[in-house]
Protein backbone atom coordinates (compact mmCIF):
# COMPACT_ATOMS: atom_id res chain seq x y z
CA MET A 1 43.64 11.31 -68.52
CA ILE A 2 41.87 13.54 -71.03
CA SER A 3 40.72 17.03 -70.06
CA LEU A 4 38.35 19.19 -72.09
CA GLY A 5 39.20 22.87 -71.61
CA ILE A 6 36.63 25.47 -72.59
CA ASP A 7 36.97 29.22 -73.10
CA PRO A 8 33.32 30.32 -72.79
CA GLY A 9 31.44 32.82 -74.89
CA THR A 10 28.36 33.08 -77.09
CA ALA A 11 29.81 34.13 -80.46
CA THR A 12 33.03 32.10 -80.23
CA ILE A 13 33.74 29.31 -77.75
CA GLY A 14 37.25 27.91 -77.69
CA TYR A 15 37.88 24.30 -76.78
CA GLY A 16 40.87 22.04 -76.42
CA LEU A 17 41.24 18.39 -75.51
CA VAL A 18 44.55 17.47 -73.93
CA GLU A 19 45.69 14.01 -72.92
CA GLU A 20 48.34 13.18 -70.38
CA ASN A 21 49.99 9.83 -71.05
CA GLN A 22 51.46 7.50 -68.43
CA GLU A 23 54.90 9.09 -68.75
CA GLY A 24 53.37 12.46 -67.88
CA SER A 25 53.76 14.10 -71.27
CA LEU A 26 50.89 16.07 -72.77
CA HIS A 27 49.51 16.10 -76.27
CA ALA A 28 46.61 17.82 -78.00
CA ILE A 29 43.89 15.49 -79.16
CA ALA A 30 41.73 18.18 -80.76
CA TYR A 31 41.10 21.91 -80.56
CA GLY A 32 39.03 24.52 -82.29
CA VAL A 33 36.12 26.86 -81.88
CA ILE A 34 32.36 26.68 -81.82
CA THR A 35 30.80 29.72 -83.47
CA THR A 36 27.26 31.04 -83.51
CA PRO A 37 25.81 33.61 -85.95
CA ALA A 38 25.53 37.13 -84.52
CA GLY A 39 22.02 37.76 -85.88
CA MET A 40 20.55 34.57 -84.47
CA PRO A 41 18.27 34.76 -81.41
CA MET A 42 20.15 34.01 -78.18
CA TRP A 43 18.16 30.87 -77.36
CA GLU A 44 19.12 29.36 -80.71
CA ARG A 45 22.77 30.28 -80.18
CA LEU A 46 22.67 28.65 -76.74
CA LYS A 47 21.24 25.46 -78.26
CA ILE A 48 24.09 25.36 -80.79
CA ILE A 49 26.59 25.71 -77.94
CA TYR A 50 24.92 23.00 -75.86
CA ASP A 51 24.65 20.58 -78.78
CA SER A 52 28.25 21.23 -79.88
CA ILE A 53 29.70 20.67 -76.39
CA THR A 54 27.63 17.50 -76.05
CA ALA A 55 28.93 16.26 -79.42
CA LEU A 56 32.55 16.93 -78.37
CA ILE A 57 32.02 14.95 -75.17
CA GLU A 58 30.45 12.04 -77.05
CA LYS A 59 33.21 11.98 -79.66
CA TYR A 60 36.28 12.33 -77.41
CA GLN A 61 35.04 10.90 -74.08
CA PRO A 62 37.07 13.22 -71.78
CA ASP A 63 37.64 12.20 -68.17
CA ARG A 64 37.12 15.70 -66.85
CA ALA A 65 36.45 19.26 -67.96
CA ALA A 66 37.54 22.77 -67.07
CA VAL A 67 35.98 26.13 -67.82
CA GLU A 68 37.47 29.58 -67.50
CA GLU A 69 35.75 31.80 -64.94
CA LEU A 70 34.41 35.12 -66.14
CA PHE A 71 36.18 38.39 -65.56
CA PHE A 72 34.62 41.60 -66.85
CA ALA A 73 35.55 44.99 -65.49
CA LYS A 74 33.47 47.23 -67.77
CA ASN A 75 30.94 45.79 -70.22
CA VAL A 76 28.01 44.37 -68.26
CA THR A 77 26.04 43.48 -71.40
CA THR A 78 28.87 41.34 -72.71
CA ALA A 79 29.27 39.75 -69.29
CA ILE A 80 25.62 38.73 -69.23
CA THR A 81 25.66 37.11 -72.67
CA VAL A 82 28.94 35.29 -71.98
CA ALA A 83 27.49 34.13 -68.64
CA GLN A 84 24.52 32.66 -70.49
CA GLY A 85 26.85 30.72 -72.77
CA ARG A 86 28.92 29.61 -69.79
CA GLY A 87 25.79 28.36 -68.03
CA VAL A 88 24.83 26.23 -71.01
CA ILE A 89 28.38 24.85 -71.20
CA LEU A 90 28.29 23.92 -67.50
CA LEU A 91 24.91 22.25 -68.01
CA ALA A 92 26.23 20.13 -70.90
CA LEU A 93 29.27 19.09 -68.85
CA THR A 94 27.11 18.30 -65.81
CA ASN A 95 24.63 16.29 -67.87
CA ALA A 96 27.56 14.23 -69.18
CA GLY A 97 28.61 13.46 -65.61
CA LEU A 98 32.06 15.02 -65.96
CA PRO A 99 34.00 16.39 -63.00
CA ILE A 100 34.27 20.14 -63.63
CA ALA A 101 36.93 22.59 -62.51
CA GLU A 102 36.81 26.35 -62.93
CA TYR A 103 39.89 28.55 -63.23
CA LYS A 104 40.40 32.30 -63.14
CA PRO A 105 42.37 33.76 -66.06
CA ASN A 106 45.32 34.75 -63.86
CA ASN A 107 45.49 31.20 -62.43
CA ILE A 108 45.69 29.78 -65.95
CA LYS A 109 48.51 32.19 -66.80
CA GLN A 110 50.30 31.33 -63.55
CA SER A 111 49.98 27.61 -64.27
CA LEU A 112 51.41 27.82 -67.78
CA VAL A 113 53.87 30.68 -67.71
CA GLY A 114 54.58 31.14 -64.01
CA TYR A 115 53.25 34.71 -64.02
CA GLY A 116 49.59 35.66 -63.54
CA GLY A 117 49.98 38.79 -65.64
CA ALA A 118 51.40 37.03 -68.71
CA GLN A 119 50.41 38.38 -72.10
CA LYS A 120 48.52 36.35 -74.70
CA PRO A 121 51.58 35.71 -76.96
CA GLN A 122 53.47 34.24 -73.99
CA MET A 123 50.53 31.96 -73.20
CA GLN A 124 50.17 30.83 -76.79
CA GLU A 125 53.86 30.05 -77.14
CA MET A 126 53.85 28.05 -73.90
CA VAL A 127 50.83 26.04 -75.12
CA ARG A 128 52.77 25.31 -78.32
CA ILE A 129 55.85 24.21 -76.36
CA LEU A 130 54.03 22.11 -73.76
CA LEU A 131 52.04 20.27 -76.42
CA ASN A 132 55.00 19.97 -78.81
CA LEU A 133 53.08 21.62 -81.65
CA ASN A 134 54.73 22.97 -84.78
CA GLU A 135 52.84 26.25 -84.57
CA ILE A 136 50.69 28.23 -82.19
CA PRO A 137 47.08 26.97 -82.25
CA ARG A 138 44.67 29.29 -84.03
CA PRO A 139 42.35 30.99 -83.47
CA ASP A 140 43.25 32.50 -80.08
CA ASP A 141 40.14 31.00 -78.46
CA ALA A 142 41.29 27.48 -79.36
CA ALA A 143 44.72 28.15 -77.80
CA ASP A 144 42.88 29.37 -74.70
CA GLY A 145 40.86 26.14 -74.57
CA LEU A 146 44.09 24.13 -74.69
CA ALA A 147 45.62 26.33 -71.97
CA ILE A 148 42.62 25.67 -69.73
CA ALA A 149 42.89 21.91 -70.29
CA ILE A 150 46.63 21.98 -69.50
CA THR A 151 45.94 23.94 -66.32
CA ASP A 152 43.31 21.40 -65.35
CA ILE A 153 45.69 18.48 -65.80
CA HIS A 154 48.40 20.24 -63.79
CA SER A 155 45.91 21.13 -61.07
CA SER A 156 44.45 17.62 -60.85
CA GLN A 157 47.99 16.19 -60.54
CA TYR A 158 48.68 18.57 -57.67
CA ASN A 159 45.38 17.72 -55.96
CA GLN A 160 46.14 13.99 -56.22
CA LEU A 161 49.54 14.53 -54.62
CA MET A 162 47.95 16.49 -51.77
CA GLU A 163 45.41 13.78 -50.97
């Protein structure tokens, strides 16, 4: 199974593709970021995001996808722009016919580290360990995309066991 994990945004969108083999081990297929220029009109940035997500799906053919849910306590303006990017991401995933899961940040931390209040360095190190990587994936958004994909694989395994 291949899961595409996405850390949504409008300026920088992190993604990670993780495959679980038949023995149950995980490995990273690809990870990185999609970036959009700050001075560009929002509708053009959203098109870049949509087209980039669609291209990732076409290239890697994931079986499912997962997106981090939004959590903003203070900056409403940032929340609105990130929500726009997230909406375009969900549209691209839906148009591709992928099953989509959504995870809260503390659930992702709980899944990887065992503690919902884990700090970013703990998360990044656990991503490195679980995927048997030589170094922590950079930038941070790409590591987050991988963490979301790992959480999705773990969660789908659990859901299959419960059925």
